[in-house]
mmCIF file of all heavy atoms, coordinates in Angstrom:
data_MODEL
# 
_entry.id   MODEL 
# 
loop_
_atom_site.group_PDB 
_atom_site.id 
_atom_site.type_symbol 
_atom_site.label_atom_id 
_atom_site.label_alt_id 
_atom_site.label_comp_id 
_atom_site.label_asym_id 
_atom_site.label_entity_id 
_atom_site.label_seq_id 
_atom_site.pdbx_PDB_ins_code 
_atom_site.Cartn_x 
_atom_site.Cartn_y 
_atom_site.Cartn_z 
_atom_site.occupancy 
_atom_site.B_iso_or_equiv 
_atom_site.pdbx_formal_charge 
_atom_site.auth_seq_id 
_atom_site.auth_comp_id 
_atom_site.auth_asym_id 
_atom_site.auth_atom_id 
_atom_site.pdbx_PDB_model_num 
ATOM 1   N N   . VAL A 1 1  ? -28.013 -36.971 67.762 1.00 0.00 ? 1  VAL A N   1 
ATOM 2   C CA  . VAL A 1 1  ? -28.102 -38.236 66.971 1.00 0.00 ? 1  VAL A CA  1 
ATOM 3   C C   . VAL A 1 1  ? -26.681 -38.532 66.522 1.00 0.00 ? 1  VAL A C   1 
ATOM 4   O O   . VAL A 1 1  ? -25.997 -37.733 65.936 1.00 0.00 ? 1  VAL A O   1 
ATOM 5   C CB  . VAL A 1 1  ? -28.956 -38.065 65.727 1.00 0.00 ? 1  VAL A CB  1 
ATOM 6   C CG1 . VAL A 1 1  ? -28.888 -39.171 64.690 1.00 0.00 ? 1  VAL A CG1 1 
ATOM 7   C CG2 . VAL A 1 1  ? -30.470 -37.920 66.210 1.00 0.00 ? 1  VAL A CG2 1 
ATOM 8   N N   . TYR A 1 2  ? -26.387 -39.787 66.735 1.00 0.00 ? 2  TYR A N   1 
ATOM 9   C CA  . TYR A 1 2  ? -25.043 -40.401 66.200 1.00 0.00 ? 2  TYR A CA  1 
ATOM 10  C C   . TYR A 1 2  ? -25.333 -40.878 64.859 1.00 0.00 ? 2  TYR A C   1 
ATOM 11  O O   . TYR A 1 2  ? -25.927 -41.900 64.663 1.00 0.00 ? 2  TYR A O   1 
ATOM 12  C CB  . TYR A 1 2  ? -24.528 -41.450 67.210 1.00 0.00 ? 2  TYR A CB  1 
ATOM 13  C CG  . TYR A 1 2  ? -23.219 -42.160 66.841 1.00 0.00 ? 2  TYR A CG  1 
ATOM 14  C CD1 . TYR A 1 2  ? -22.236 -41.422 66.214 1.00 0.00 ? 2  TYR A CD1 1 
ATOM 15  C CD2 . TYR A 1 2  ? -23.055 -43.491 67.140 1.00 0.00 ? 2  TYR A CD2 1 
ATOM 16  C CE1 . TYR A 1 2  ? -20.972 -41.910 65.929 1.00 0.00 ? 2  TYR A CE1 1 
ATOM 17  C CE2 . TYR A 1 2  ? -21.784 -44.061 66.662 1.00 0.00 ? 2  TYR A CE2 1 
ATOM 18  C CZ  . TYR A 1 2  ? -20.824 -43.293 66.177 1.00 0.00 ? 2  TYR A CZ  1 
ATOM 19  O OH  . TYR A 1 2  ? -19.579 -43.877 65.824 1.00 0.00 ? 2  TYR A OH  1 
ATOM 20  N N   . GLN A 1 3  ? -24.720 -40.252 63.887 1.00 0.00 ? 3  GLN A N   1 
ATOM 21  C CA  . GLN A 1 3  ? -25.119 -40.610 62.486 1.00 0.00 ? 3  GLN A CA  1 
ATOM 22  C C   . GLN A 1 3  ? -24.913 -42.034 62.091 1.00 0.00 ? 3  GLN A C   1 
ATOM 23  O O   . GLN A 1 3  ? -25.772 -42.619 61.357 1.00 0.00 ? 3  GLN A O   1 
ATOM 24  C CB  . GLN A 1 3  ? -24.278 -39.652 61.592 1.00 0.00 ? 3  GLN A CB  1 
ATOM 25  C CG  . GLN A 1 3  ? -24.902 -38.207 61.596 1.00 0.00 ? 3  GLN A CG  1 
ATOM 26  C CD  . GLN A 1 3  ? -24.089 -37.264 60.746 1.00 0.00 ? 3  GLN A CD  1 
ATOM 27  O OE1 . GLN A 1 3  ? -23.060 -36.657 61.138 1.00 0.00 ? 3  GLN A OE1 1 
ATOM 28  N NE2 . GLN A 1 3  ? -24.536 -37.113 59.490 1.00 0.00 ? 3  GLN A NE2 1 
ATOM 29  N N   . ALA A 1 4  ? -23.754 -42.554 62.514 1.00 0.00 ? 4  ALA A N   1 
ATOM 30  C CA  . ALA A 1 4  ? -23.358 -43.991 62.146 1.00 0.00 ? 4  ALA A CA  1 
ATOM 31  C C   . ALA A 1 4  ? -24.402 -44.979 62.598 1.00 0.00 ? 4  ALA A C   1 
ATOM 32  O O   . ALA A 1 4  ? -24.806 -45.909 62.013 1.00 0.00 ? 4  ALA A O   1 
ATOM 33  C CB  . ALA A 1 4  ? -22.028 -44.284 62.599 1.00 0.00 ? 4  ALA A CB  1 
ATOM 34  N N   . GLN A 1 5  ? -24.842 -44.729 63.983 1.00 0.00 ? 5  GLN A N   1 
ATOM 35  C CA  . GLN A 1 5  ? -25.845 -45.620 64.481 1.00 0.00 ? 5  GLN A CA  1 
ATOM 36  C C   . GLN A 1 5  ? -27.170 -45.424 63.859 1.00 0.00 ? 5  GLN A C   1 
ATOM 37  O O   . GLN A 1 5  ? -27.961 -46.432 63.615 1.00 0.00 ? 5  GLN A O   1 
ATOM 38  C CB  . GLN A 1 5  ? -25.919 -45.389 65.989 1.00 0.00 ? 5  GLN A CB  1 
ATOM 39  C CG  . GLN A 1 5  ? -26.840 -46.417 66.681 1.00 0.00 ? 5  GLN A CG  1 
ATOM 40  C CD  . GLN A 1 5  ? -26.679 -46.313 68.232 1.00 0.00 ? 5  GLN A CD  1 
ATOM 41  O OE1 . GLN A 1 5  ? -25.870 -45.557 68.742 1.00 0.00 ? 5  GLN A OE1 1 
ATOM 42  N NE2 . GLN A 1 5  ? -27.417 -47.121 68.912 1.00 0.00 ? 5  GLN A NE2 1 
ATOM 43  N N   . ALA A 1 6  ? -27.496 -44.177 63.429 1.00 0.00 ? 6  ALA A N   1 
ATOM 44  C CA  . ALA A 1 6  ? -28.821 -43.886 62.780 1.00 0.00 ? 6  ALA A CA  1 
ATOM 45  C C   . ALA A 1 6  ? -28.737 -44.680 61.448 1.00 0.00 ? 6  ALA A C   1 
ATOM 46  O O   . ALA A 1 6  ? -29.844 -45.227 60.969 1.00 0.00 ? 6  ALA A O   1 
ATOM 47  C CB  . ALA A 1 6  ? -29.013 -42.491 62.569 1.00 0.00 ? 6  ALA A CB  1 
ATOM 48  N N   . GLN A 1 7  ? -27.667 -44.651 60.711 1.00 0.00 ? 7  GLN A N   1 
ATOM 49  C CA  . GLN A 1 7  ? -27.534 -45.239 59.389 1.00 0.00 ? 7  GLN A CA  1 
ATOM 50  C C   . GLN A 1 7  ? -27.759 -46.784 59.503 1.00 0.00 ? 7  GLN A C   1 
ATOM 51  O O   . GLN A 1 7  ? -28.212 -47.571 58.693 1.00 0.00 ? 7  GLN A O   1 
ATOM 52  C CB  . GLN A 1 7  ? -26.329 -44.887 58.701 1.00 0.00 ? 7  GLN A CB  1 
ATOM 53  C CG  . GLN A 1 7  ? -26.250 -43.486 58.285 1.00 0.00 ? 7  GLN A CG  1 
ATOM 54  C CD  . GLN A 1 7  ? -24.779 -43.048 57.894 1.00 0.00 ? 7  GLN A CD  1 
ATOM 55  O OE1 . GLN A 1 7  ? -23.841 -43.802 58.191 1.00 0.00 ? 7  GLN A OE1 1 
ATOM 56  N NE2 . GLN A 1 7  ? -24.710 -41.905 57.242 1.00 0.00 ? 7  GLN A NE2 1 
ATOM 57  N N   . ALA A 1 8  ? -27.144 -47.354 60.720 1.00 0.00 ? 8  ALA A N   1 
ATOM 58  C CA  . ALA A 1 8  ? -27.214 -48.842 60.905 1.00 0.00 ? 8  ALA A CA  1 
ATOM 59  C C   . ALA A 1 8  ? -28.652 -49.233 61.328 1.00 0.00 ? 8  ALA A C   1 
ATOM 60  O O   . ALA A 1 8  ? -29.022 -50.437 60.960 1.00 0.00 ? 8  ALA A O   1 
ATOM 61  C CB  . ALA A 1 8  ? -26.136 -49.111 61.880 1.00 0.00 ? 8  ALA A CB  1 
ATOM 62  N N   . GLN A 1 9  ? -29.368 -48.384 62.040 1.00 0.00 ? 9  GLN A N   1 
ATOM 63  C CA  . GLN A 1 9  ? -30.632 -48.896 62.689 1.00 0.00 ? 9  GLN A CA  1 
ATOM 64  C C   . GLN A 1 9  ? -31.819 -48.205 62.238 1.00 0.00 ? 9  GLN A C   1 
ATOM 65  O O   . GLN A 1 9  ? -32.995 -48.627 62.427 1.00 0.00 ? 9  GLN A O   1 
ATOM 66  C CB  . GLN A 1 9  ? -30.477 -48.749 64.204 1.00 0.00 ? 9  GLN A CB  1 
ATOM 67  C CG  . GLN A 1 9  ? -29.495 -49.714 64.801 1.00 0.00 ? 9  GLN A CG  1 
ATOM 68  C CD  . GLN A 1 9  ? -29.425 -49.565 66.316 1.00 0.00 ? 9  GLN A CD  1 
ATOM 69  O OE1 . GLN A 1 9  ? -29.458 -48.428 66.869 1.00 0.00 ? 9  GLN A OE1 1 
ATOM 70  N NE2 . GLN A 1 9  ? -29.318 -50.615 67.013 1.00 0.00 ? 9  GLN A NE2 1 
ATOM 71  N N   . GLY A 1 10 ? -31.702 -47.083 61.598 1.00 0.00 ? 10 GLY A N   1 
ATOM 72  C CA  . GLY A 1 10 ? -32.843 -46.355 61.023 1.00 0.00 ? 10 GLY A CA  1 
ATOM 73  C C   . GLY A 1 10 ? -33.843 -45.905 61.982 1.00 0.00 ? 10 GLY A C   1 
ATOM 74  O O   . GLY A 1 10 ? -33.538 -45.396 63.033 1.00 0.00 ? 10 GLY A O   1 
ATOM 75  N N   . ALA A 1 11 ? -35.084 -46.109 61.575 1.00 0.00 ? 11 ALA A N   1 
ATOM 76  C CA  . ALA A 1 11 ? -36.199 -45.650 62.409 1.00 0.00 ? 11 ALA A CA  1 
ATOM 77  C C   . ALA A 1 11 ? -36.201 -46.170 63.775 1.00 0.00 ? 11 ALA A C   1 
ATOM 78  O O   . ALA A 1 11 ? -36.743 -45.509 64.713 1.00 0.00 ? 11 ALA A O   1 
ATOM 79  C CB  . ALA A 1 11 ? -37.577 -45.954 61.726 1.00 0.00 ? 11 ALA A CB  1 
ATOM 80  N N   . GLU A 1 12 ? -35.864 -47.407 64.047 1.00 0.00 ? 12 GLU A N   1 
ATOM 81  C CA  . GLU A 1 12 ? -35.721 -48.081 65.276 1.00 0.00 ? 12 GLU A CA  1 
ATOM 82  C C   . GLU A 1 12 ? -34.844 -47.215 66.265 1.00 0.00 ? 12 GLU A C   1 
ATOM 83  O O   . GLU A 1 12 ? -35.212 -46.888 67.374 1.00 0.00 ? 12 GLU A O   1 
ATOM 84  C CB  . GLU A 1 12 ? -35.175 -49.482 65.124 1.00 0.00 ? 12 GLU A CB  1 
ATOM 85  C CG  . GLU A 1 12 ? -34.918 -50.232 66.492 1.00 0.00 ? 12 GLU A CG  1 
ATOM 86  C CD  . GLU A 1 12 ? -34.428 -51.587 66.278 1.00 0.00 ? 12 GLU A CD  1 
ATOM 87  O OE1 . GLU A 1 12 ? -34.147 -52.033 65.216 1.00 0.00 ? 12 GLU A OE1 1 
ATOM 88  O OE2 . GLU A 1 12 ? -34.053 -52.143 67.312 1.00 0.00 ? 12 GLU A OE2 1 
ATOM 89  N N   . TYR A 1 13 ? -33.781 -46.756 65.819 1.00 0.00 ? 13 TYR A N   1 
ATOM 90  C CA  . TYR A 1 13 ? -32.923 -45.970 66.679 1.00 0.00 ? 13 TYR A CA  1 
ATOM 91  C C   . TYR A 1 13 ? -33.413 -44.661 66.935 1.00 0.00 ? 13 TYR A C   1 
ATOM 92  O O   . TYR A 1 13 ? -33.503 -44.102 68.077 1.00 0.00 ? 13 TYR A O   1 
ATOM 93  C CB  . TYR A 1 13 ? -31.479 -45.749 66.032 1.00 0.00 ? 13 TYR A CB  1 
ATOM 94  C CG  . TYR A 1 13 ? -30.626 -44.781 66.618 1.00 0.00 ? 13 TYR A CG  1 
ATOM 95  C CD1 . TYR A 1 13 ? -30.036 -45.046 67.794 1.00 0.00 ? 13 TYR A CD1 1 
ATOM 96  C CD2 . TYR A 1 13 ? -30.309 -43.674 65.924 1.00 0.00 ? 13 TYR A CD2 1 
ATOM 97  C CE1 . TYR A 1 13 ? -29.143 -44.059 68.383 1.00 0.00 ? 13 TYR A CE1 1 
ATOM 98  C CE2 . TYR A 1 13 ? -29.330 -42.693 66.442 1.00 0.00 ? 13 TYR A CE2 1 
ATOM 99  C CZ  . TYR A 1 13 ? -28.845 -42.894 67.662 1.00 0.00 ? 13 TYR A CZ  1 
ATOM 100 O OH  . TYR A 1 13 ? -27.933 -42.045 68.245 1.00 0.00 ? 13 TYR A OH  1 
ATOM 101 N N   . PHE A 1 14 ? -34.038 -43.851 65.854 1.00 0.00 ? 14 PHE A N   1 
ATOM 102 C CA  . PHE A 1 14 ? -34.561 -42.565 66.072 1.00 0.00 ? 14 PHE A CA  1 
ATOM 103 C C   . PHE A 1 14 ? -35.761 -42.592 67.044 1.00 0.00 ? 14 PHE A C   1 
ATOM 104 O O   . PHE A 1 14 ? -35.796 -41.805 67.975 1.00 0.00 ? 14 PHE A O   1 
ATOM 105 C CB  . PHE A 1 14 ? -35.094 -42.139 64.718 1.00 0.00 ? 14 PHE A CB  1 
ATOM 106 C CG  . PHE A 1 14 ? -34.039 -41.670 63.826 1.00 0.00 ? 14 PHE A CG  1 
ATOM 107 C CD1 . PHE A 1 14 ? -33.991 -42.028 62.386 1.00 0.00 ? 14 PHE A CD1 1 
ATOM 108 C CD2 . PHE A 1 14 ? -33.064 -40.591 64.200 1.00 0.00 ? 14 PHE A CD2 1 
ATOM 109 C CE1 . PHE A 1 14 ? -33.039 -41.595 61.515 1.00 0.00 ? 14 PHE A CE1 1 
ATOM 110 C CE2 . PHE A 1 14 ? -32.130 -40.184 63.253 1.00 0.00 ? 14 PHE A CE2 1 
ATOM 111 C CZ  . PHE A 1 14 ? -32.103 -40.725 62.018 1.00 0.00 ? 14 PHE A CZ  1 
ATOM 112 N N   . ASP A 1 15 ? -36.663 -43.580 66.827 1.00 0.00 ? 15 ASP A N   1 
ATOM 113 C CA  . ASP A 1 15 ? -37.843 -43.643 67.736 1.00 0.00 ? 15 ASP A CA  1 
ATOM 114 C C   . ASP A 1 15 ? -37.450 -44.000 69.236 1.00 0.00 ? 15 ASP A C   1 
ATOM 115 O O   . ASP A 1 15 ? -38.207 -43.527 70.100 1.00 0.00 ? 15 ASP A O   1 
ATOM 116 C CB  . ASP A 1 15 ? -38.776 -44.611 67.207 1.00 0.00 ? 15 ASP A CB  1 
ATOM 117 C CG  . ASP A 1 15 ? -39.475 -44.161 65.822 1.00 0.00 ? 15 ASP A CG  1 
ATOM 118 O OD1 . ASP A 1 15 ? -39.240 -43.029 65.426 1.00 0.00 ? 15 ASP A OD1 1 
ATOM 119 O OD2 . ASP A 1 15 ? -40.060 -44.977 65.182 1.00 0.00 ? 15 ASP A OD2 1 
ATOM 120 N N   . ALA A 1 16 ? -36.497 -44.877 69.315 1.00 0.00 ? 16 ALA A N   1 
ATOM 121 C CA  . ALA A 1 16 ? -36.215 -45.300 70.692 1.00 0.00 ? 16 ALA A CA  1 
ATOM 122 C C   . ALA A 1 16 ? -35.334 -44.189 71.488 1.00 0.00 ? 16 ALA A C   1 
ATOM 123 O O   . ALA A 1 16 ? -35.548 -43.979 72.677 1.00 0.00 ? 16 ALA A O   1 
ATOM 124 C CB  . ALA A 1 16 ? -35.308 -46.513 70.691 1.00 0.00 ? 16 ALA A CB  1 
ATOM 125 N N   . GLU A 1 17 ? -34.414 -43.563 70.775 1.00 0.00 ? 17 GLU A N   1 
ATOM 126 C CA  . GLU A 1 17 ? -33.468 -42.543 71.459 1.00 0.00 ? 17 GLU A CA  1 
ATOM 127 C C   . GLU A 1 17 ? -33.889 -41.076 71.221 1.00 0.00 ? 17 GLU A C   1 
ATOM 128 O O   . GLU A 1 17 ? -33.553 -40.284 72.140 1.00 0.00 ? 17 GLU A O   1 
ATOM 129 C CB  . GLU A 1 17 ? -32.109 -42.883 70.847 1.00 0.00 ? 17 GLU A CB  1 
ATOM 130 C CG  . GLU A 1 17 ? -31.562 -44.247 71.154 1.00 0.00 ? 17 GLU A CG  1 
ATOM 131 C CD  . GLU A 1 17 ? -31.309 -44.632 72.528 1.00 0.00 ? 17 GLU A CD  1 
ATOM 132 O OE1 . GLU A 1 17 ? -31.144 -43.680 73.389 1.00 0.00 ? 17 GLU A OE1 1 
ATOM 133 O OE2 . GLU A 1 17 ? -31.483 -45.763 72.786 1.00 0.00 ? 17 GLU A OE2 1 
ATOM 134 N N   . PHE A 1 18 ? -34.620 -40.787 70.226 1.00 0.00 ? 18 PHE A N   1 
ATOM 135 C CA  . PHE A 1 18 ? -34.892 -39.301 69.958 1.00 0.00 ? 18 PHE A CA  1 
ATOM 136 C C   . PHE A 1 18 ? -36.341 -39.213 69.450 1.00 0.00 ? 18 PHE A C   1 
ATOM 137 O O   . PHE A 1 18 ? -36.656 -38.757 68.291 1.00 0.00 ? 18 PHE A O   1 
ATOM 138 C CB  . PHE A 1 18 ? -33.824 -38.843 68.898 1.00 0.00 ? 18 PHE A CB  1 
ATOM 139 C CG  . PHE A 1 18 ? -32.428 -38.878 69.323 1.00 0.00 ? 18 PHE A CG  1 
ATOM 140 C CD1 . PHE A 1 18 ? -31.710 -40.091 68.970 1.00 0.00 ? 18 PHE A CD1 1 
ATOM 141 C CD2 . PHE A 1 18 ? -31.951 -38.096 70.086 1.00 0.00 ? 18 PHE A CD2 1 
ATOM 142 C CE1 . PHE A 1 18 ? -30.331 -40.105 69.278 1.00 0.00 ? 18 PHE A CE1 1 
ATOM 143 C CE2 . PHE A 1 18 ? -30.601 -38.036 70.512 1.00 0.00 ? 18 PHE A CE2 1 
ATOM 144 C CZ  . PHE A 1 18 ? -29.743 -39.253 70.123 1.00 0.00 ? 18 PHE A CZ  1 
ATOM 145 N N   . PRO A 1 19 ? -37.207 -39.589 70.336 1.00 0.00 ? 19 PRO A N   1 
ATOM 146 C CA  . PRO A 1 19 ? -38.747 -39.587 69.935 1.00 0.00 ? 19 PRO A CA  1 
ATOM 147 C C   . PRO A 1 19 ? -39.249 -38.311 69.624 1.00 0.00 ? 19 PRO A C   1 
ATOM 148 O O   . PRO A 1 19 ? -40.298 -38.250 68.978 1.00 0.00 ? 19 PRO A O   1 
ATOM 149 C CB  . PRO A 1 19 ? -39.394 -40.292 71.222 1.00 0.00 ? 19 PRO A CB  1 
ATOM 150 C CG  . PRO A 1 19 ? -38.449 -39.955 72.328 1.00 0.00 ? 19 PRO A CG  1 
ATOM 151 C CD  . PRO A 1 19 ? -37.146 -40.085 71.773 1.00 0.00 ? 19 PRO A CD  1 
ATOM 152 N N   . GLU A 1 20 ? -38.782 -37.056 70.027 1.00 0.00 ? 20 GLU A N   1 
ATOM 153 C CA  . GLU A 1 20 ? -39.240 -35.865 69.876 1.00 0.00 ? 20 GLU A CA  1 
ATOM 154 C C   . GLU A 1 20 ? -38.894 -35.168 68.550 1.00 0.00 ? 20 GLU A C   1 
ATOM 155 O O   . GLU A 1 20 ? -39.326 -34.148 68.240 1.00 0.00 ? 20 GLU A O   1 
ATOM 156 C CB  . GLU A 1 20 ? -38.936 -34.925 71.039 1.00 0.00 ? 20 GLU A CB  1 
ATOM 157 C CG  . GLU A 1 20 ? -39.354 -35.386 72.395 1.00 0.00 ? 20 GLU A CG  1 
ATOM 158 C CD  . GLU A 1 20 ? -40.838 -35.569 72.451 1.00 0.00 ? 20 GLU A CD  1 
ATOM 159 O OE1 . GLU A 1 20 ? -41.546 -34.584 71.907 1.00 0.00 ? 20 GLU A OE1 1 
ATOM 160 O OE2 . GLU A 1 20 ? -41.370 -36.526 73.091 1.00 0.00 ? 20 GLU A OE2 1 
ATOM 161 N N   . LEU A 1 21 ? -37.982 -35.822 67.811 1.00 0.00 ? 21 LEU A N   1 
ATOM 162 C CA  . LEU A 1 21 ? -37.700 -35.273 66.532 1.00 0.00 ? 21 LEU A CA  1 
ATOM 163 C C   . LEU A 1 21 ? -38.855 -34.986 65.565 1.00 0.00 ? 21 LEU A C   1 
ATOM 164 O O   . LEU A 1 21 ? -39.783 -35.804 65.434 1.00 0.00 ? 21 LEU A O   1 
ATOM 165 C CB  . LEU A 1 21 ? -36.702 -36.223 65.864 1.00 0.00 ? 21 LEU A CB  1 
ATOM 166 C CG  . LEU A 1 21 ? -35.291 -36.287 66.389 1.00 0.00 ? 21 LEU A CG  1 
ATOM 167 C CD1 . LEU A 1 21 ? -34.511 -37.427 65.517 1.00 0.00 ? 21 LEU A CD1 1 
ATOM 168 C CD2 . LEU A 1 21 ? -34.439 -35.038 66.305 1.00 0.00 ? 21 LEU A CD2 1 
ATOM 169 N N   . ASP A 1 22 ? -38.838 -33.873 64.949 1.00 0.00 ? 22 ASP A N   1 
ATOM 170 C CA  . ASP A 1 22 ? -39.866 -33.689 63.833 1.00 0.00 ? 22 ASP A CA  1 
ATOM 171 C C   . ASP A 1 22 ? -39.292 -34.578 62.660 1.00 0.00 ? 22 ASP A C   1 
ATOM 172 O O   . ASP A 1 22 ? -38.182 -35.072 62.665 1.00 0.00 ? 22 ASP A O   1 
ATOM 173 C CB  . ASP A 1 22 ? -39.817 -32.125 63.448 1.00 0.00 ? 22 ASP A CB  1 
ATOM 174 C CG  . ASP A 1 22 ? -40.558 -31.316 64.365 1.00 0.00 ? 22 ASP A CG  1 
ATOM 175 O OD1 . ASP A 1 22 ? -41.770 -31.661 64.599 1.00 0.00 ? 22 ASP A OD1 1 
ATOM 176 O OD2 . ASP A 1 22 ? -40.031 -30.344 64.852 1.00 0.00 ? 22 ASP A OD2 1 
ATOM 177 N N   . ARG A 1 23 ? -40.292 -34.708 61.686 1.00 0.00 ? 23 ARG A N   1 
ATOM 178 C CA  . ARG A 1 23 ? -39.935 -35.584 60.568 1.00 0.00 ? 23 ARG A CA  1 
ATOM 179 C C   . ARG A 1 23 ? -40.655 -35.053 59.322 1.00 0.00 ? 23 ARG A C   1 
ATOM 180 O O   . ARG A 1 23 ? -41.762 -34.406 59.383 1.00 0.00 ? 23 ARG A O   1 
ATOM 181 C CB  . ARG A 1 23 ? -40.278 -36.956 60.742 1.00 0.00 ? 23 ARG A CB  1 
ATOM 182 C CG  . ARG A 1 23 ? -41.777 -37.212 61.085 1.00 0.00 ? 23 ARG A CG  1 
ATOM 183 C CD  . ARG A 1 23 ? -41.907 -38.800 61.542 1.00 0.00 ? 23 ARG A CD  1 
ATOM 184 N NE  . ARG A 1 23 ? -43.262 -39.032 61.863 1.00 0.00 ? 23 ARG A NE  1 
ATOM 185 C CZ  . ARG A 1 23 ? -44.276 -39.490 60.989 1.00 0.00 ? 23 ARG A CZ  1 
ATOM 186 N NH1 . ARG A 1 23 ? -43.948 -39.608 59.687 1.00 0.00 ? 23 ARG A NH1 1 
ATOM 187 N NH2 . ARG A 1 23 ? -45.400 -39.632 61.306 1.00 0.00 ? 23 ARG A NH2 1 
ATOM 188 N N   . VAL A 1 24 ? -40.161 -35.351 58.180 1.00 0.00 ? 24 VAL A N   1 
ATOM 189 C CA  . VAL A 1 24 ? -40.806 -35.173 56.950 1.00 0.00 ? 24 VAL A CA  1 
ATOM 190 C C   . VAL A 1 24 ? -41.853 -36.333 56.756 1.00 0.00 ? 24 VAL A C   1 
ATOM 191 O O   . VAL A 1 24 ? -41.441 -37.551 56.750 1.00 0.00 ? 24 VAL A O   1 
ATOM 192 C CB  . VAL A 1 24 ? -39.781 -35.210 55.680 1.00 0.00 ? 24 VAL A CB  1 
ATOM 193 C CG1 . VAL A 1 24 ? -40.564 -35.100 54.387 1.00 0.00 ? 24 VAL A CG1 1 
ATOM 194 C CG2 . VAL A 1 24 ? -38.832 -34.111 55.848 1.00 0.00 ? 24 VAL A CG2 1 
ATOM 195 N N   . THR A 1 25 ? -43.022 -36.110 56.605 1.00 0.00 ? 25 THR A N   1 
ATOM 196 C CA  . THR A 1 25 ? -44.063 -37.152 56.494 1.00 0.00 ? 25 THR A CA  1 
ATOM 197 C C   . THR A 1 25 ? -44.010 -37.607 54.996 1.00 0.00 ? 25 THR A C   1 
ATOM 198 O O   . THR A 1 25 ? -44.057 -38.841 54.640 1.00 0.00 ? 25 THR A O   1 
ATOM 199 C CB  . THR A 1 25 ? -45.472 -36.773 56.846 1.00 0.00 ? 25 THR A CB  1 
ATOM 200 O OG1 . THR A 1 25 ? -45.798 -35.564 56.267 1.00 0.00 ? 25 THR A OG1 1 
ATOM 201 C CG2 . THR A 1 25 ? -45.486 -36.620 58.322 1.00 0.00 ? 25 THR A CG2 1 
# 
């Protein structure tokens, strides 16, 4: 994960580029 892009796009970026990440529900 590129932190700056994650901060700019949030869930949209995570879900599109790194869908296998675990998460805190």
